[in-house]
């Protein structure tokens, strides 16, 4: 199975996990997904200064700046597989 197919399978599997991951793990999944599907985060974060969740998501995604889409996919797949185990 090619990487894109494995990634899509992991995305589907992440929605059916037996237990909901903690917030830090959810942020990691989010940021890896965004990096894998959209590439580097833009230079500007959320417009609303009081959007704490949006800011946390943006910062987590920004930390992955420079990571290739393929690397992000591989890390996402590995994390989902770890959560399924």
PDB file of N, CA and C in Angstrom:
ATOM      1  N   UNK A   1       0.840  -1.175   0.000  1.00  0.00           N
ATOM      2  CA  UNK A   1       0.000   0.000   0.000  1.00  0.00           C
ATOM      3  C   UNK A   1       0.890   1.245   0.000  1.00  0.00           C
ATOM      4  N   UNK A   2       0.554   2.186  -0.840  1.00  0.00           N
ATOM      5  CA  UNK A   2       1.369   3.401  -0.910  1.00  0.00           C
ATOM      6  C   UNK A   2       1.075   4.328   0.272  1.00  0.00           C
ATOM      7  N   UNK A   3       1.974   5.274   0.500  1.00  0.00           N
ATOM      8  CA  UNK A   3       1.916   6.144   1.670  1.00  0.00           C
ATOM      9  C   UNK A   3       0.584   6.895   1.759  1.00  0.00           C
ATOM     10  N   UNK A   4       0.109   7.443   0.653  1.00  0.00           N
ATOM     11  CA  UNK A   4      -1.146   8.197   0.665  1.00  0.00           C
ATOM     12  C   UNK A   4      -2.307   7.315   1.130  1.00  0.00           C
ATOM     13  N   UNK A   5      -2.357   6.076   0.663  1.00  0.00           N
ATOM     14  CA  UNK A   5      -3.417   5.153   1.066  1.00  0.00           C
ATOM     15  C   UNK A   5      -3.303   4.798   2.547  1.00  0.00           C
ATOM     16  N   UNK A   6      -2.073   4.589   3.015  1.00  0.00           N
ATOM     17  CA  UNK A   6      -1.862   4.299   4.433  1.00  0.00           C
ATOM     18  C   UNK A   6      -2.309   5.485   5.286  1.00  0.00           C
ATOM     19  N   UNK A   7      -1.997   6.688   4.819  1.00  0.00           N
ATOM     20  CA  UNK A   7      -2.377   7.897   5.535  1.00  0.00           C
ATOM     21  C   UNK A   7      -3.900   8.011   5.606  1.00  0.00           C
ATOM     22  N   UNK A   8      -4.569   7.810   4.494  1.00  0.00           N
ATOM     23  CA  UNK A   8      -6.031   7.898   4.465  1.00  0.00           C
ATOM     24  C   UNK A   8      -6.660   6.846   5.381  1.00  0.00           C
ATOM     25  N   UNK A   9      -6.074   5.647   5.423  1.00  0.00           N
ATOM     26  CA  UNK A   9      -6.567   4.603   6.313  1.00  0.00           C
ATOM     27  C   UNK A   9      -6.364   5.003   7.776  1.00  0.00           C
ATOM     28  N   UNK A  10      -5.227   5.635   8.069  1.00  0.00           N
ATOM     29  CA  UNK A  10      -4.950   6.083   9.436  1.00  0.00           C
ATOM     30  C   UNK A  10      -5.909   7.194   9.846  1.00  0.00           C
ATOM     31  N   UNK A  11      -6.232   8.095   8.925  1.00  0.00           N
ATOM     32  CA  UNK A  11      -7.189   9.170   9.215  1.00  0.00           C
ATOM     33  C   UNK A  11      -8.541   8.552   9.566  1.00  0.00           C
ATOM     34  N   UNK A  12      -8.974   7.568   8.783  1.00  0.00           N
ATOM     35  CA  UNK A  12     -10.248   6.905   9.068  1.00  0.00           C
ATOM     36  C   UNK A  12     -10.188   6.183  10.416  1.00  0.00           C
ATOM     37  N   UNK A  13      -9.073   5.521  10.693  1.00  0.00           N
ATOM     38  CA  UNK A  13      -8.918   4.786  11.953  1.00  0.00           C
ATOM     39  C   UNK A  13      -8.899   5.726  13.151  1.00  0.00           C
ATOM     40  N   UNK A  14      -8.374   6.936  12.966  1.00  0.00           N
ATOM     41  CA  UNK A  14      -8.291   7.885  14.084  1.00  0.00           C
ATOM     42  C   UNK A  14      -9.679   8.303  14.566  1.00  0.00           C
ATOM     43  N   UNK A  15     -10.671   8.166  13.708  1.00  0.00           N
ATOM     44  CA  UNK A  15     -12.035   8.559  14.068  1.00  0.00           C
ATOM     45  C   UNK A  15     -12.782   7.444  14.793  1.00  0.00           C
ATOM     46  N   UNK A  16     -12.176   6.262  14.856  1.00  0.00           N
ATOM     47  CA  UNK A  16     -12.856   5.125  15.481  1.00  0.00           C
ATOM     48  C   UNK A  16     -12.030   4.527  16.617  1.00  0.00           C
ATOM     49  N   UNK A  17     -11.172   5.326  17.222  1.00  0.00           N
ATOM     50  CA  UNK A  17     -10.356   4.837  18.335  1.00  0.00           C
ATOM     51  C   UNK A  17     -11.247   4.470  19.512  1.00  0.00           C
ATOM     52  N   UNK A  18     -10.852   3.437  20.258  1.00  0.00           N
ATOM     53  CA  UNK A  18     -11.624   2.988  21.406  1.00  0.00           C
ATOM     54  C   UNK A  18     -11.718   4.071  22.478  1.00  0.00           C
ATOM     55  N   UNK A  19     -10.618   4.795  22.708  1.00  0.00           N
ATOM     56  CA  UNK A  19     -10.581   5.874  23.691  1.00  0.00           C
ATOM     57  C   UNK A  19     -10.200   7.177  23.015  1.00  0.00           C
ATOM     58  N   UNK A  20     -10.804   8.254  23.499  1.00  0.00           N
ATOM     59  CA  UNK A  20     -10.427   9.577  22.983  1.00  0.00           C
ATOM     60  C   UNK A  20      -9.050   9.929  23.549  1.00  0.00           C
ATOM     61  N   UNK A  21      -8.108  10.303  22.672  1.00  0.00           N
ATOM     62  CA  UNK A  21      -6.761  10.685  23.146  1.00  0.00           C
ATOM     63  C   UNK A  21      -6.812  11.963  23.988  1.00  0.00           C
ATOM     64  N   UNK A  22      -5.756  12.190  24.768  1.00  0.00           N
ATOM     65  CA  UNK A  22      -5.677  13.420  25.553  1.00  0.00           C
ATOM     66  C   UNK A  22      -5.474  14.617  24.614  1.00  0.00           C
ATOM     67  N   UNK A  23      -5.616  15.807  25.155  1.00  0.00           N
ATOM     68  CA  UNK A  23      -5.545  17.029  24.334  1.00  0.00           C
ATOM     69  C   UNK A  23      -4.207  17.193  23.622  1.00  0.00           C
ATOM     70  N   UNK A  24      -3.116  16.847  24.287  1.00  0.00           N
ATOM     71  CA  UNK A  24      -1.790  16.972  23.659  1.00  0.00           C
ATOM     72  C   UNK A  24      -1.685  16.058  22.441  1.00  0.00           C
ATOM     73  N   UNK A  25      -2.215  14.851  22.570  1.00  0.00           N
ATOM     74  CA  UNK A  25      -2.178  13.902  21.446  1.00  0.00           C
ATOM     75  C   UNK A  25      -3.099  14.370  20.326  1.00  0.00           C
ATOM     76  N   UNK A  26      -4.260  14.899  20.686  1.00  0.00           N
ATOM     77  CA  UNK A  26      -5.170  15.429  19.666  1.00  0.00           C
ATOM     78  C   UNK A  26      -4.526  16.583  18.900  1.00  0.00           C
ATOM     79  N   UNK A  27      -3.801  17.450  19.615  1.00  0.00           N
ATOM     80  CA  UNK A  27      -3.095  18.549  18.949  1.00  0.00           C
ATOM     81  C   UNK A  27      -2.025  18.022  18.004  1.00  0.00           C
ATOM     82  N   UNK A  28      -1.325  16.976  18.440  1.00  0.00           N
ATOM     83  CA  UNK A  28      -0.288  16.371  17.601  1.00  0.00           C
ATOM     84  C   UNK A  28      -0.916  15.780  16.336  1.00  0.00           C
ATOM     85  N   UNK A  29      -2.017  15.065  16.494  1.00  0.00           N
ATOM     86  CA  UNK A  29      -2.711  14.505  15.332  1.00  0.00           C
ATOM     87  C   UNK A  29      -3.148  15.617  14.384  1.00  0.00           C
ATOM     88  N   UNK A  30      -3.719  16.674  14.946  1.00  0.00           N
ATOM     89  CA  UNK A  30      -4.183  17.801  14.135  1.00  0.00           C
ATOM     90  C   UNK A  30      -3.032  18.420  13.353  1.00  0.00           C
ATOM     91  N   UNK A  31      -1.946  18.714  14.057  1.00  0.00           N
ATOM     92  CA  UNK A  31      -0.837  19.408  13.400  1.00  0.00           C
ATOM     93  C   UNK A  31      -0.186  18.536  12.328  1.00  0.00           C
ATOM     94  N   UNK A  32      -0.044  17.253  12.600  1.00  0.00           N
ATOM     95  CA  UNK A  32       0.517  16.351  11.591  1.00  0.00           C
ATOM     96  C   UNK A  32      -0.406  16.245  10.382  1.00  0.00           C
ATOM     97  N   UNK A  33      -1.711  16.193  10.635  1.00  0.00           N
ATOM     98  CA  UNK A  33      -2.678  16.126   9.539  1.00  0.00           C
ATOM     99  C   UNK A  33      -2.585  17.378   8.667  1.00  0.00           C
ATOM    100  N   UNK A  34      -2.573  18.545   9.310  1.00  0.00           N
ATOM    101  CA  UNK A  34      -2.499  19.794   8.550  1.00  0.00           C
ATOM    102  C   UNK A  34      -1.199  19.881   7.750  1.00  0.00           C
ATOM    103  N   UNK A  35      -0.088  19.474   8.363  1.00  0.00           N
ATOM    104  CA  UNK A  35       1.204  19.519   7.672  1.00  0.00           C
ATOM    105  C   UNK A  35       1.190  18.561   6.488  1.00  0.00           C
ATOM    106  N   UNK A  36       0.590  17.387   6.672  1.00  0.00           N
ATOM    107  CA  UNK A  36       0.550  16.378   5.611  1.00  0.00           C
ATOM    108  C   UNK A  36      -0.362  16.786   4.462  1.00  0.00           C
ATOM    109  N   UNK A  37      -1.435  17.497   4.771  1.00  0.00           N
ATOM    110  CA  UNK A  37      -2.401  17.834   3.728  1.00  0.00           C
ATOM    111  C   UNK A  37      -2.225  19.223   3.131  1.00  0.00           C
ATOM    112  N   UNK A  38      -1.678  20.167   3.925  1.00  0.00           N
ATOM    113  CA  UNK A  38      -1.577  21.543   3.443  1.00  0.00           C
ATOM    114  C   UNK A  38      -0.159  22.098   3.416  1.00  0.00           C
ATOM    115  N   UNK A  39       0.780  21.420   4.055  1.00  0.00           N
ATOM    116  CA  UNK A  39       2.140  21.937   4.113  1.00  0.00           C
ATOM    117  C   UNK A  39       2.300  22.915   5.265  1.00  0.00           C
ATOM    118  N   UNK A  40       3.283  23.785   5.176  1.00  0.00           N
ATOM    119  CA  UNK A  40       3.594  24.714   6.259  1.00  0.00           C
ATOM    120  C   UNK A  40       2.435  25.649   6.571  1.00  0.00           C
ATOM    121  N   UNK A  41       2.297  25.971   7.861  1.00  0.00           N
ATOM    122  CA  UNK A  41       1.284  26.931   8.305  1.00  0.00           C
ATOM    123  C   UNK A  41       1.632  28.307   7.767  1.00  0.00           C
ATOM    124  N   UNK A  42       0.622  29.097   7.527  1.00  0.00           N
ATOM    125  CA  UNK A  42       0.835  30.456   7.059  1.00  0.00           C
ATOM    126  C   UNK A  42       1.468  31.314   8.151  1.00  0.00           C
ATOM    127  N   UNK A  43       1.869  32.525   7.808  1.00  0.00           N
ATOM    128  CA  UNK A  43       2.559  33.384   8.776  1.00  0.00           C
ATOM    129  C   UNK A  43       1.647  33.944   9.868  1.00  0.00           C
ATOM    130  N   UNK A  44       0.341  33.971   9.620  1.00  0.00           N
ATOM    131  CA  UNK A  44      -0.583  34.573  10.577  1.00  0.00           C
ATOM    132  C   UNK A  44      -1.425  33.521  11.276  1.00  0.00           C
ATOM    133  N   UNK A  45      -1.564  33.680  12.573  1.00  0.00           N
ATOM    134  CA  UNK A  45      -2.412  32.800  13.362  1.00  0.00           C
ATOM    135  C   UNK A  45      -3.854  33.257  13.287  1.00  0.00           C
ATOM    136  N   UNK A  46      -4.677  32.770  14.208  1.00  0.00           N
ATOM    137  CA  UNK A  46      -6.084  33.169  14.209  1.00  0.00           C
ATOM    138  C   UNK A  46      -6.241  34.672  14.458  1.00  0.00           C
ATOM    139  N   UNK A  47      -7.260  35.267  13.842  1.00  0.00           N
ATOM    140  CA  UNK A  47      -7.519  36.699  13.984  1.00  0.00           C
ATOM    141  C   UNK A  47      -8.031  37.054  15.377  1.00  0.00           C
ATOM    142  N   UNK A  48      -8.827  36.176  15.959  1.00  0.00           N
ATOM    143  CA  UNK A  48      -9.427  36.434  17.270  1.00  0.00           C
ATOM    144  C   UNK A  48      -8.420  36.120  18.373  1.00  0.00           C
ATOM    145  N   UNK A  49      -8.000  37.120  19.102  1.00  0.00           N
ATOM    146  CA  UNK A  49      -7.023  36.936  20.168  1.00  0.00           C
ATOM    147  C   UNK A  49      -7.540  36.047  21.294  1.00  0.00           C
ATOM    148  N   UNK A  50      -8.860  35.920  21.403  1.00  0.00           N
ATOM    149  CA  UNK A  50      -9.459  35.119  22.469  1.00  0.00           C
ATOM    150  C   UNK A  50      -9.745  33.686  22.026  1.00  0.00           C
ATOM    151  N   UNK A  51      -9.363  33.343  20.811  1.00  0.00           N
ATOM    152  CA  UNK A  51      -9.548  31.986  20.290  1.00  0.00           C
ATOM    153  C   UNK A  51      -8.390  31.120  20.778  1.00  0.00           C
ATOM    154  N   UNK A  52      -8.493  30.662  22.009  1.00  0.00           N
ATOM    155  CA  UNK A  52      -7.404  29.909  22.637  1.00  0.00           C
ATOM    156  C   UNK A  52      -7.167  28.582  21.927  1.00  0.00           C
ATOM    157  N   UNK A  53      -8.249  27.898  21.565  1.00  0.00           N
ATOM    158  CA  UNK A  53      -8.115  26.609  20.881  1.00  0.00           C
ATOM    159  C   UNK A  53      -7.472  26.812  19.507  1.00  0.00           C
ATOM    160  N   UNK A  54      -7.957  27.808  18.774  1.00  0.00           N
ATOM    161  CA  UNK A  54      -7.390  28.096  17.456  1.00  0.00           C
ATOM    162  C   UNK A  54      -5.921  28.455  17.535  1.00  0.00           C
ATOM    163  N   UNK A  55      -5.563  29.208  18.565  1.00  0.00           N
ATOM    164  CA  UNK A  55      -4.162  29.596  18.749  1.00  0.00           C
ATOM    165  C   UNK A  55      -3.301  28.374  19.049  1.00  0.00           C
ATOM    166  N   UNK A  56      -3.794  27.480  19.902  1.00  0.00           N
ATOM    167  CA  UNK A  56      -3.041  26.263  20.238  1.00  0.00           C
ATOM    168  C   UNK A  56      -2.858  25.388  19.000  1.00  0.00           C
ATOM    169  N   UNK A  57      -3.903  25.276  18.197  1.00  0.00           N
ATOM    170  CA  UNK A  57      -3.812  24.484  16.960  1.00  0.00           C
ATOM    171  C   UNK A  57      -2.792  25.097  16.000  1.00  0.00           C
ATOM    172  N   UNK A  58      -2.869  26.421  15.840  1.00  0.00           N
ATOM    173  CA  UNK A  58      -1.943  27.106  14.930  1.00  0.00           C
ATOM    174  C   UNK A  58      -0.496  26.932  15.397  1.00  0.00           C
ATOM    175  N   UNK A  59      -0.261  27.102  16.700  1.00  0.00           N
ATOM    176  CA  UNK A  59       1.099  26.977  17.223  1.00  0.00           C
ATOM    177  C   UNK A  59       1.636  25.559  17.051  1.00  0.00           C
ATOM    178  N   UNK A  60       0.785  24.552  17.285  1.00  0.00           N
ATOM    179  CA  UNK A  60       1.215  23.158  17.111  1.00  0.00           C
ATOM    180  C   UNK A  60       1.576  22.896  15.649  1.00  0.00           C
ATOM    181  N   UNK A  61       0.767  23.428  14.736  1.00  0.00           N
ATOM    182  CA  UNK A  61       1.022  23.256  13.305  1.00  0.00           C
ATOM    183  C   UNK A  61       2.283  24.016  12.904  1.00  0.00           C
ATOM    184  N   UNK A  62       2.463  25.221  13.422  1.00  0.00           N
ATOM    185  CA  UNK A  62       3.636  26.043  13.082  1.00  0.00           C
ATOM    186  C   UNK A  62       4.944  25.374  13.476  1.00  0.00           C
ATOM    187  N   UNK A  63       4.918  24.621  14.582  1.00  0.00           N
ATOM    188  CA  UNK A  63       6.127  23.946  15.052  1.00  0.00           C
ATOM    189  C   UNK A  63       6.634  22.910  14.044  1.00  0.00           C
ATOM    190  N   UNK A  64       5.780  22.486  13.136  1.00  0.00           N
ATOM    191  CA  UNK A  64       6.168  21.481  12.137  1.00  0.00           C
ATOM    192  C   UNK A  64       6.674  22.120  10.844  1.00  0.00           C
ATOM    193  N   UNK A  65       6.772  23.428  10.827  1.00  0.00           N
ATOM    194  CA  UNK A  65       7.230  24.140   9.621  1.00  0.00           C
ATOM    195  C   UNK A  65       8.540  23.531   9.127  1.00  0.00           C
ATOM    196  N   UNK A  66       8.587  23.201   7.843  1.00  0.00           N
ATOM    197  CA  UNK A  66       9.787  22.631   7.246  1.00  0.00           C
ATOM    198  C   UNK A  66       9.729  21.117   7.109  1.00  0.00           C
ATOM    199  N   UNK A  67       8.835  20.475   7.857  1.00  0.00           N
ATOM    200  CA  UNK A  67       8.685  19.013   7.755  1.00  0.00           C
ATOM    201  C   UNK A  67       7.963  18.701   6.440  1.00  0.00           C
ATOM    202  N   UNK A  68       8.447  17.715   5.704  1.00  0.00           N
ATOM    203  CA  UNK A  68       7.811  17.374   4.433  1.00  0.00           C
ATOM    204  C   UNK A  68       6.450  16.733   4.680  1.00  0.00           C
ATOM    205  N   UNK A  69       5.617  16.786   3.657  1.00  0.00           N
ATOM    206  CA  UNK A  69       4.297  16.160   3.760  1.00  0.00           C
ATOM    207  C   UNK A  69       4.437  14.658   4.011  1.00  0.00           C
ATOM    208  N   UNK A  70       5.418  14.046   3.377  1.00  0.00           N
ATOM    209  CA  UNK A  70       5.625  12.609   3.538  1.00  0.00           C
ATOM    210  C   UNK A  70       6.033  12.260   4.967  1.00  0.00           C
ATOM    211  N   UNK A  71       6.926  13.064   5.546  1.00  0.00           N
ATOM    212  CA  UNK A  71       7.334  12.834   6.941  1.00  0.00           C
ATOM    213  C   UNK A  71       6.149  12.975   7.884  1.00  0.00           C
ATOM    214  N   UNK A  72       5.322  13.994   7.637  1.00  0.00           N
ATOM    215  CA  UNK A  72       4.144  14.214   8.476  1.00  0.00           C
ATOM    216  C   UNK A  72       3.174  13.046   8.345  1.00  0.00           C
ATOM    217  N   UNK A  73       2.998  12.545   7.139  1.00  0.00           N
ATOM    218  CA  UNK A  73       2.122  11.386   6.935  1.00  0.00           C
ATOM    219  C   UNK A  73       2.632  10.179   7.705  1.00  0.00           C
ATOM    220  N   UNK A  74       3.933   9.921   7.599  1.00  0.00           N
ATOM    221  CA  UNK A  74       4.517   8.768   8.279  1.00  0.00           C
ATOM    222  C   UNK A  74       4.365   8.882   9.791  1.00  0.00           C
ATOM    223  N   UNK A  75       4.587  10.072  10.340  1.00  0.00           N
ATOM    224  CA  UNK A  75       4.446  10.274  11.781  1.00  0.00           C
ATOM    225  C   UNK A  75       2.988  10.129  12.215  1.00  0.00           C
ATOM    226  N   UNK A  76       2.070  10.621  11.392  1.00  0.00           N
ATOM    227  CA  UNK A  76       0.643  10.504  11.694  1.00  0.00           C
ATOM    228  C   UNK A  76       0.244   9.032  11.738  1.00  0.00           C
ATOM    229  N   UNK A  77       0.665   8.280  10.730  1.00  0.00           N
ATOM    230  CA  UNK A  77       0.354   6.846  10.661  1.00  0.00           C
ATOM    231  C   UNK A  77       0.900   6.127  11.888  1.00  0.00           C
ATOM    232  N   UNK A  78       2.149   6.418  12.239  1.00  0.00           N
ATOM    233  CA  UNK A  78       2.778   5.777  13.399  1.00  0.00           C
ATOM    234  C   UNK A  78       2.027   6.106  14.689  1.00  0.00           C
ATOM    235  N   UNK A  79       1.604   7.364  14.850  1.00  0.00           N
ATOM    236  CA  UNK A  79       0.885   7.766  16.061  1.00  0.00           C
ATOM    237  C   UNK A  79      -0.472   7.074  16.150  1.00  0.00           C
ATOM    238  N   UNK A  80      -1.188   7.012  15.047  1.00  0.00           N
ATOM    239  CA  UNK A  80      -2.499   6.342  15.053  1.00  0.00           C
ATOM    240  C   UNK A  80      -2.324   4.861  15.354  1.00  0.00           C
ATOM    241  N   UNK A  81      -1.314   4.237  14.762  1.00  0.00           N
ATOM    242  CA  UNK A  81      -1.065   2.819  15.037  1.00  0.00           C
ATOM    243  C   UNK A  81      -0.742   2.589  16.519  1.00  0.00           C
ATOM    244  N   UNK A  82       0.000   3.510  17.109  1.00  0.00           N
ATOM    245  CA  UNK A  82       0.333   3.416  18.538  1.00  0.00           C
ATOM    246  C   UNK A  82      -0.931   3.546  19.387  1.00  0.00           C
ATOM    247  N   UNK A  83      -1.821   4.457  18.986  1.00  0.00           N
ATOM    248  CA  UNK A  83      -3.062   4.669  19.737  1.00  0.00           C
ATOM    249  C   UNK A  83      -4.023   3.483  19.604  1.00  0.00           C
ATOM    250  N   UNK A  84      -3.967   2.798  18.477  1.00  0.00           N
ATOM    251  CA  UNK A  84      -4.830   1.624  18.268  1.00  0.00           C
ATOM    252  C   UNK A  84      -4.365   0.430  19.079  1.00  0.00           C
ATOM    253  N   UNK A  85      -3.069   0.384  19.388  1.00  0.00           N
ATOM    254  CA  UNK A  85      -2.491  -0.798  20.072  1.00  0.00           C
ATOM    255  C   UNK A  85      -2.928  -0.901  21.514  1.00  0.00           C
TER     256      UNK A  85
END
